[in-house]
Amino acid sequence: MLKVTIATVLASLVVIIGGCQTLTTTPEEQSRKYSRISNLNRMMFNEDIDNILLLDKPSQLTRWHIYTE
């Protein structure tokens, strides 16, 4: 029983010290991925707010031509 407990503690320490790194990505790549995801989420949120507040494009309810981008 003591051997099983020691093996479990050692395995836990290896996981805690080593972290949850995968073989395919480095910590820098993971950091860039999470920052890219955060940036995309922020831009999509801003776009959603613009759509809700009708700031995304000019209204077409006029008889004059409005130049849009």
C-alpha atoms as a PDB file:
ATOM      1  CA  MET A   1       0.000   0.000   0.000  1.00  0.00           C
ATOM      2  CA  LEU A   2       2.887   2.310   0.784  1.00  0.00           C
ATOM      3  CA  LYS A   3       4.403   1.739  -2.655  1.00  0.00           C
ATOM      4  CA  VAL A   4       1.104   2.630  -4.349  1.00  0.00           C
ATOM      5  CA  THR A   5       0.819   5.824  -2.299  1.00  0.00           C
ATOM      6  CA  ILE A   6       4.396   6.837  -3.084  1.00  0.00           C
ATOM      7  CA  ALA A   7       3.888   6.098  -6.783  1.00  0.00           C
ATOM      8  CA  THR A   8       0.692   8.174  -6.802  1.00  0.00           C
ATOM      9  CA  VAL A   9       2.393  11.106  -5.067  1.00  0.00           C
ATOM     10  CA  LEU A  10       5.357  10.971  -7.438  1.00  0.00           C
ATOM     11  CA  ALA A  11       3.089  10.796 -10.477  1.00  0.00           C
ATOM     12  CA  SER A  12       1.117  13.783  -9.169  1.00  0.00           C
ATOM     13  CA  LEU A  13       4.320  15.764  -8.650  1.00  0.00           C
ATOM     14  CA  VAL A  14       5.493  15.010 -12.175  1.00  0.00           C
ATOM     15  CA  VAL A  15       2.202  16.267 -13.600  1.00  0.00           C
ATOM     16  CA  ILE A  16       2.186  19.377 -11.395  1.00  0.00           C
ATOM     17  CA  ILE A  17       5.824  20.282 -12.042  1.00  0.00           C
ATOM     18  CA  GLY A  18       5.750  19.396 -15.736  1.00  0.00           C
ATOM     19  CA  GLY A  19       2.481  21.155 -16.415  1.00  0.00           C
ATOM     20  CA  CYS A  20      -0.060  20.158 -19.010  1.00  0.00           C
ATOM     21  CA  GLN A  21       2.162  20.648 -22.034  1.00  0.00           C
ATOM     22  CA  THR A  22       1.420  18.669 -25.109  1.00  0.00           C
ATOM     23  CA  LEU A  23       3.883  17.262 -27.582  1.00  0.00           C
ATOM     24  CA  THR A  24       2.554  19.341 -30.460  1.00  0.00           C
ATOM     25  CA  THR A  25       2.580  22.893 -29.048  1.00  0.00           C
ATOM     26  CA  THR A  26       4.972  24.895 -26.956  1.00  0.00           C
ATOM     27  CA  PRO A  27       3.890  27.243 -24.159  1.00  0.00           C
ATOM     28  CA  GLU A  28       4.636  30.231 -26.418  1.00  0.00           C
ATOM     29  CA  GLU A  29       2.372  28.837 -29.133  1.00  0.00           C
ATOM     30  CA  GLN A  30      -0.381  28.233 -26.606  1.00  0.00           C
ATOM     31  CA  SER A  31       0.003  31.798 -25.324  1.00  0.00           C
ATOM     32  CA  ARG A  32      -0.239  33.188 -28.866  1.00  0.00           C
ATOM     33  CA  LYS A  33      -3.276  30.994 -29.535  1.00  0.00           C
ATOM     34  CA  TYR A  34      -5.081  32.228 -26.422  1.00  0.00           C
ATOM     35  CA  SER A  35      -4.236  35.866 -27.155  1.00  0.00           C
ATOM     36  CA  ARG A  36      -5.483  35.429 -30.750  1.00  0.00           C
ATOM     37  CA  ILE A  37      -8.727  33.890 -29.469  1.00  0.00           C
ATOM     38  CA  SER A  38      -9.145  36.727 -26.976  1.00  0.00           C
ATOM     39  CA  ASN A  39      -8.518  39.323 -29.689  1.00  0.00           C
ATOM     40  CA  LEU A  40     -11.046  37.706 -32.047  1.00  0.00           C
ATOM     41  CA  ASN A  41     -13.655  37.501 -29.296  1.00  0.00           C
ATOM     42  CA  ARG A  42     -13.116  41.175 -28.460  1.00  0.00           C
ATOM     43  CA  MET A  43     -13.486  42.214 -32.112  1.00  0.00           C
ATOM     44  CA  MET A  44     -16.634  40.105 -32.548  1.00  0.00           C
ATOM     45  CA  PHE A  45     -18.103  41.607 -29.372  1.00  0.00           C
ATOM     46  CA  ASN A  46     -17.432  45.136 -30.659  1.00  0.00           C
ATOM     47  CA  GLU A  47     -19.043  44.232 -33.973  1.00  0.00           C
ATOM     48  CA  ASP A  48     -22.101  42.841 -32.172  1.00  0.00           C
ATOM     49  CA  ILE A  49     -22.454  46.052 -30.156  1.00  0.00           C
ATOM     50  CA  ASP A  50     -22.213  48.099 -33.357  1.00  0.00           C
ATOM     51  CA  ASN A  51     -24.952  45.983 -34.942  1.00  0.00           C
ATOM     52  CA  ILE A  52     -27.198  46.321 -31.886  1.00  0.00           C
ATOM     53  CA  LEU A  53     -26.744  50.101 -31.782  1.00  0.00           C
ATOM     54  CA  LEU A  54     -27.129  50.301 -35.577  1.00  0.00           C
ATOM     55  CA  LEU A  55     -23.659  51.835 -35.978  1.00  0.00           C
ATOM     56  CA  ASP A  56     -22.522  49.326 -38.566  1.00  0.00           C
ATOM     57  CA  LYS A  57     -23.829  51.148 -41.638  1.00  0.00           C
ATOM     58  CA  PRO A  58     -25.849  54.245 -42.485  1.00  0.00           C
ATOM     59  CA  SER A  59     -29.576  53.962 -42.720  1.00  0.00           C
ATOM     60  CA  GLN A  60     -30.991  53.521 -46.208  1.00  0.00           C
ATOM     61  CA  LEU A  61     -34.184  55.374 -45.326  1.00  0.00           C
ATOM     62  CA  THR A  62     -33.461  58.459 -47.391  1.00  0.00           C
ATOM     63  CA  ARG A  63     -34.157  59.495 -50.927  1.00  0.00           C
ATOM     64  CA  TRP A  64     -30.588  60.758 -51.399  1.00  0.00           C
ATOM     65  CA  HIS A  65     -27.716  58.480 -52.254  1.00  0.00           C
ATOM     66  CA  ILE A  66     -25.437  57.760 -49.299  1.00  0.00           C
ATOM     67  CA  TYR A  67     -21.911  56.650 -50.000  1.00  0.00           C
ATOM     68  CA  THR A  68     -20.887  53.655 -47.942  1.00  0.00           C
ATOM     69  CA  GLU A  69     -17.532  51.994 -47.612  1.00  0.00           C
END
